[in-house]
Amino acid sequence: MAWANTDRAVNGGKHKLYGISKRGNKYLRKLLVHGARITLRFAERKTDSRS
């Protein structure tokens, strides 16, 4: 089963998520990072508020 695993910390009973760790599936992590970069790149180019 493929999983990306998130880094977590518990301080004073509060849970915090820090993003994707490097312990999970490296290929899946790479795909998620590249997809996020492409999404941000296209979002910066858009000027239409409805898209």
PDB file of N, CA and C in Angstrom:
ATOM      1  N   MET A   1       0.842  -1.177   0.000  1.00  0.00           N
ATOM      2  CA  MET A   1       0.000   0.000   0.000  1.00  0.00           C
ATOM      3  C   MET A   1       0.891   1.245   0.000  1.00  0.00           C
ATOM      4  N   ALA A   2       0.605   2.175  -0.887  1.00  0.00           N
ATOM      5  CA  ALA A   2       1.394   3.411  -0.988  1.00  0.00           C
ATOM      6  C   ALA A   2       0.857   4.451  -0.026  1.00  0.00           C
ATOM      7  N   TRP A   3       1.775   5.119   0.660  1.00  0.00           N
ATOM      8  CA  TRP A   3       1.369   6.185   1.572  1.00  0.00           C
ATOM      9  C   TRP A   3       2.469   7.222   1.624  1.00  0.00           C
ATOM     10  N   ALA A   4       2.117   8.452   1.931  1.00  0.00           N
ATOM     11  CA  ALA A   4       3.083   9.542   1.931  1.00  0.00           C
ATOM     12  C   ALA A   4       3.528   9.901   3.339  1.00  0.00           C
ATOM     13  N   ASN A   5       2.789   9.553   4.356  1.00  0.00           N
ATOM     14  CA  ASN A   5       3.116   9.806   5.763  1.00  0.00           C
ATOM     15  C   ASN A   5       3.407  11.283   6.031  1.00  0.00           C
ATOM     16  N   THR A   6       2.831  11.801   7.079  1.00  0.00           N
ATOM     17  CA  THR A   6       3.069  13.192   7.453  1.00  0.00           C
ATOM     18  C   THR A   6       3.884  13.239   8.734  1.00  0.00           C
ATOM     19  N   ASP A   7       4.734  14.252   8.841  1.00  0.00           N
ATOM     20  CA  ASP A   7       5.479  14.464  10.084  1.00  0.00           C
ATOM     21  C   ASP A   7       4.533  15.072  11.102  1.00  0.00           C
ATOM     22  N   ARG A   8       4.577  14.549  12.331  1.00  0.00           N
ATOM     23  CA  ARG A   8       3.694  15.049  13.378  1.00  0.00           C
ATOM     24  C   ARG A   8       4.482  15.310  14.641  1.00  0.00           C
ATOM     25  N   ALA A   9       3.948  16.209  15.453  1.00  0.00           N
ATOM     26  CA  ALA A   9       4.528  16.472  16.768  1.00  0.00           C
ATOM     27  C   ALA A   9       3.392  16.732  17.741  1.00  0.00           C
ATOM     28  N   VAL A  10       3.583  16.304  18.974  1.00  0.00           N
ATOM     29  CA  VAL A  10       2.592  16.550  20.017  1.00  0.00           C
ATOM     30  C   VAL A  10       3.271  17.370  21.101  1.00  0.00           C
ATOM     31  N   ASN A  11       2.780  18.578  21.307  1.00  0.00           N
ATOM     32  CA  ASN A  11       3.317  19.461  22.342  1.00  0.00           C
ATOM     33  C   ASN A  11       2.171  19.921  23.227  1.00  0.00           C
ATOM     34  N   GLY A  12       2.201  19.559  24.479  1.00  0.00           N
ATOM     35  CA  GLY A  12       1.150  19.982  25.397  1.00  0.00           C
ATOM     36  C   GLY A  12      -0.225  19.481  25.013  1.00  0.00           C
ATOM     37  N   GLY A  13      -0.304  18.307  24.403  1.00  0.00           N
ATOM     38  CA  GLY A  13      -1.585  17.743  24.014  1.00  0.00           C
ATOM     39  C   GLY A  13      -2.105  18.251  22.678  1.00  0.00           C
ATOM     40  N   LYS A  14      -1.372  19.144  22.015  1.00  0.00           N
ATOM     41  CA  LYS A  14      -1.795  19.669  20.715  1.00  0.00           C
ATOM     42  C   LYS A  14      -0.993  18.983  19.611  1.00  0.00           C
ATOM     43  N   HIS A  15      -1.706  18.518  18.599  1.00  0.00           N
ATOM     44  CA  HIS A  15      -1.068  17.849  17.473  1.00  0.00           C
ATOM     45  C   HIS A  15      -0.789  18.867  16.373  1.00  0.00           C
ATOM     46  N   LYS A  16       0.393  18.774  15.773  1.00  0.00           N
ATOM     47  CA  LYS A  16       0.753  19.651  14.660  1.00  0.00           C
ATOM     48  C   LYS A  16       1.225  18.792  13.499  1.00  0.00           C
ATOM     49  N   LEU A  17       0.808  19.145  12.289  1.00  0.00           N
ATOM     50  CA  LEU A  17       1.269  18.467  11.088  1.00  0.00           C
ATOM     51  C   LEU A  17       2.296  19.353  10.401  1.00  0.00           C
ATOM     52  N   TYR A  18       3.410  18.767   9.989  1.00  0.00           N
ATOM     53  CA  TYR A  18       4.488  19.534   9.380  1.00  0.00           C
ATOM     54  C   TYR A  18       4.693  19.241   7.904  1.00  0.00           C
ATOM     55  N   GLY A  19       3.857  18.463   7.269  1.00  0.00           N
ATOM     56  CA  GLY A  19       4.027  18.173   5.848  1.00  0.00           C
ATOM     57  C   GLY A  19       4.379  16.714   5.628  1.00  0.00           C
ATOM     58  N   ILE A  20       4.804  16.411   4.440  1.00  0.00           N
ATOM     59  CA  ILE A  20       5.103  15.031   4.062  1.00  0.00           C
ATOM     60  C   ILE A  20       6.523  14.670   4.490  1.00  0.00           C
ATOM     61  N   SER A  21       6.661  13.546   5.176  1.00  0.00           N
ATOM     62  CA  SER A  21       7.992  13.091   5.590  1.00  0.00           C
ATOM     63  C   SER A  21       8.646  12.320   4.451  1.00  0.00           C
ATOM     64  N   LYS A  22       9.897  11.988   4.614  1.00  0.00           N
ATOM     65  CA  LYS A  22      10.626  11.235   3.602  1.00  0.00           C
ATOM     66  C   LYS A  22      10.605   9.735   3.883  1.00  0.00           C
ATOM     67  N   ARG A  23       9.844   9.295   4.887  1.00  0.00           N
ATOM     68  CA  ARG A  23       9.805   7.879   5.241  1.00  0.00           C
ATOM     69  C   ARG A  23       8.814   7.092   4.413  1.00  0.00           C
ATOM     70  N   GLY A  24       7.876   7.754   3.758  1.00  0.00           N
ATOM     71  CA  GLY A  24       6.849   7.060   2.987  1.00  0.00           C
ATOM     72  C   GLY A  24       7.343   6.686   1.596  1.00  0.00           C
ATOM     73  N   ASN A  25       6.418   6.475   0.699  1.00  0.00           N
ATOM     74  CA  ASN A  25       6.720   6.097  -0.671  1.00  0.00           C
ATOM     75  C   ASN A  25       7.360   7.280  -1.398  1.00  0.00           C
ATOM     76  N   LYS A  26       8.618   7.143  -1.812  1.00  0.00           N
ATOM     77  CA  LYS A  26       9.356   8.245  -2.437  1.00  0.00           C
ATOM     78  C   LYS A  26       8.735   8.652  -3.771  1.00  0.00           C
ATOM     79  N   TYR A  27       8.278   7.677  -4.553  1.00  0.00           N
ATOM     80  CA  TYR A  27       7.681   7.981  -5.854  1.00  0.00           C
ATOM     81  C   TYR A  27       6.388   8.768  -5.680  1.00  0.00           C
ATOM     82  N   LEU A  28       5.542   8.349  -4.746  1.00  0.00           N
ATOM     83  CA  LEU A  28       4.286   9.049  -4.488  1.00  0.00           C
ATOM     84  C   LEU A  28       4.562  10.459  -3.982  1.00  0.00           C
ATOM     85  N   ARG A  29       5.539  10.608  -3.112  1.00  0.00           N
ATOM     86  CA  ARG A  29       5.908  11.928  -2.597  1.00  0.00           C
ATOM     87  C   ARG A  29       6.373  12.833  -3.732  1.00  0.00           C
ATOM     88  N   LYS A  30       7.185  12.291  -4.640  1.00  0.00           N
ATOM     89  CA  LYS A  30       7.675  13.070  -5.777  1.00  0.00           C
ATOM     90  C   LYS A  30       6.508  13.534  -6.653  1.00  0.00           C
ATOM     91  N   LEU A  31       5.547  12.649  -6.913  1.00  0.00           N
ATOM     92  CA  LEU A  31       4.387  13.021  -7.721  1.00  0.00           C
ATOM     93  C   LEU A  31       3.570  14.125  -7.058  1.00  0.00           C
ATOM     94  N   LEU A  32       3.376  14.039  -5.754  1.00  0.00           N
ATOM     95  CA  LEU A  32       2.616  15.067  -5.041  1.00  0.00           C
ATOM     96  C   LEU A  32       3.327  16.415  -5.081  1.00  0.00           C
ATOM     97  N   VAL A  33       4.635  16.413  -4.903  1.00  0.00           N
ATOM     98  CA  VAL A  33       5.404  17.663  -4.922  1.00  0.00           C
ATOM     99  C   VAL A  33       5.363  18.288  -6.307  1.00  0.00           C
ATOM    100  N   HIS A  34       5.576  17.497  -7.350  1.00  0.00           N
ATOM    101  CA  HIS A  34       5.542  18.034  -8.711  1.00  0.00           C
ATOM    102  C   HIS A  34       4.151  18.545  -9.069  1.00  0.00           C
ATOM    103  N   GLY A  35       3.116  17.817  -8.665  1.00  0.00           N
ATOM    104  CA  GLY A  35       1.749  18.271  -8.924  1.00  0.00           C
ATOM    105  C   GLY A  35       1.448  19.589  -8.241  1.00  0.00           C
ATOM    106  N   ALA A  36       1.912  19.749  -7.013  1.00  0.00           N
ATOM    107  CA  ALA A  36       1.694  21.005  -6.287  1.00  0.00           C
ATOM    108  C   ALA A  36       2.434  22.153  -6.955  1.00  0.00           C
ATOM    109  N   ARG A  37       3.657  21.906  -7.409  1.00  0.00           N
ATOM    110  CA  ARG A  37       4.431  22.961  -8.084  1.00  0.00           C
ATOM    111  C   ARG A  37       3.752  23.403  -9.376  1.00  0.00           C
ATOM    112  N   ILE A  38       3.271  22.457 -10.163  1.00  0.00           N
ATOM    113  CA  ILE A  38       2.594  22.787 -11.414  1.00  0.00           C
ATOM    114  C   ILE A  38       1.316  23.561 -11.136  1.00  0.00           C
ATOM    115  N   THR A  39       0.562  23.139 -10.125  1.00  0.00           N
ATOM    116  CA  THR A  39      -0.676  23.834  -9.765  1.00  0.00           C
ATOM    117  C   THR A  39      -0.392  25.275  -9.371  1.00  0.00           C
ATOM    118  N   LEU A  40       0.622  25.498  -8.564  1.00  0.00           N
ATOM    119  CA  LEU A  40       0.978  26.863  -8.162  1.00  0.00           C
ATOM    120  C   LEU A  40       1.440  27.693  -9.352  1.00  0.00           C
ATOM    121  N   ARG A  41       2.183  27.089 -10.252  1.00  0.00           N
ATOM    122  CA  ARG A  41       2.667  27.811 -11.428  1.00  0.00           C
ATOM    123  C   ARG A  41       1.499  28.291 -12.286  1.00  0.00           C
ATOM    124  N   PHE A  42       0.501  27.427 -12.517  1.00  0.00           N
ATOM    125  CA  PHE A  42      -0.652  27.816 -13.322  1.00  0.00           C
ATOM    126  C   PHE A  42      -1.557  28.788 -12.576  1.00  0.00           C
ATOM    127  N   ALA A  43      -1.639  28.671 -11.264  1.00  0.00           N
ATOM    128  CA  ALA A  43      -2.466  29.589 -10.471  1.00  0.00           C
ATOM    129  C   ALA A  43      -1.904  31.003 -10.523  1.00  0.00           C
ATOM    130  N   GLU A  44      -0.584  31.146 -10.583  1.00  0.00           N
ATOM    131  CA  GLU A  44       0.036  32.472 -10.667  1.00  0.00           C
ATOM    132  C   GLU A  44      -0.261  33.144 -11.999  1.00  0.00           C
ATOM    133  N   ARG A  45      -0.403  32.375 -13.070  1.00  0.00           N
ATOM    134  CA  ARG A  45      -0.648  32.918 -14.405  1.00  0.00           C
ATOM    135  C   ARG A  45      -2.087  33.379 -14.603  1.00  0.00           C
ATOM    136  N   LYS A  46      -3.021  32.794 -13.884  1.00  0.00           N
ATOM    137  CA  LYS A  46      -4.439  33.102 -14.096  1.00  0.00           C
ATOM    138  C   LYS A  46      -4.775  34.494 -13.601  1.00  0.00           C
ATOM    139  N   THR A  47      -5.531  35.208 -14.425  1.00  0.00           N
ATOM    140  CA  THR A  47      -5.998  36.539 -14.037  1.00  0.00           C
ATOM    141  C   THR A  47      -7.512  36.569 -13.900  1.00  0.00           C
ATOM    142  N   ASP A  48      -8.184  35.550 -14.423  1.00  0.00           N
ATOM    143  CA  ASP A  48      -9.642  35.467 -14.350  1.00  0.00           C
ATOM    144  C   ASP A  48     -10.049  35.000 -12.953  1.00  0.00           C
ATOM    145  N   SER A  49     -10.854  35.769 -12.259  1.00  0.00           N
ATOM    146  CA  SER A  49     -11.230  35.421 -10.885  1.00  0.00           C
ATOM    147  C   SER A  49     -12.192  34.238 -10.823  1.00  0.00           C
ATOM    148  N   ARG A  50     -12.831  33.880 -11.942  1.00  0.00           N
ATOM    149  CA  ARG A  50     -13.788  32.765 -11.933  1.00  0.00           C
ATOM    150  C   ARG A  50     -13.116  31.420 -12.148  1.00  0.00           C
ATOM    151  N   SER A  51     -11.877  31.357 -12.526  1.00  0.00           N
ATOM    152  CA  SER A  51     -11.194  30.085 -12.775  1.00  0.00           C
ATOM    153  C   SER A  51     -10.424  29.637 -11.562  1.00  0.00           C
TER     154      SER A  51
END
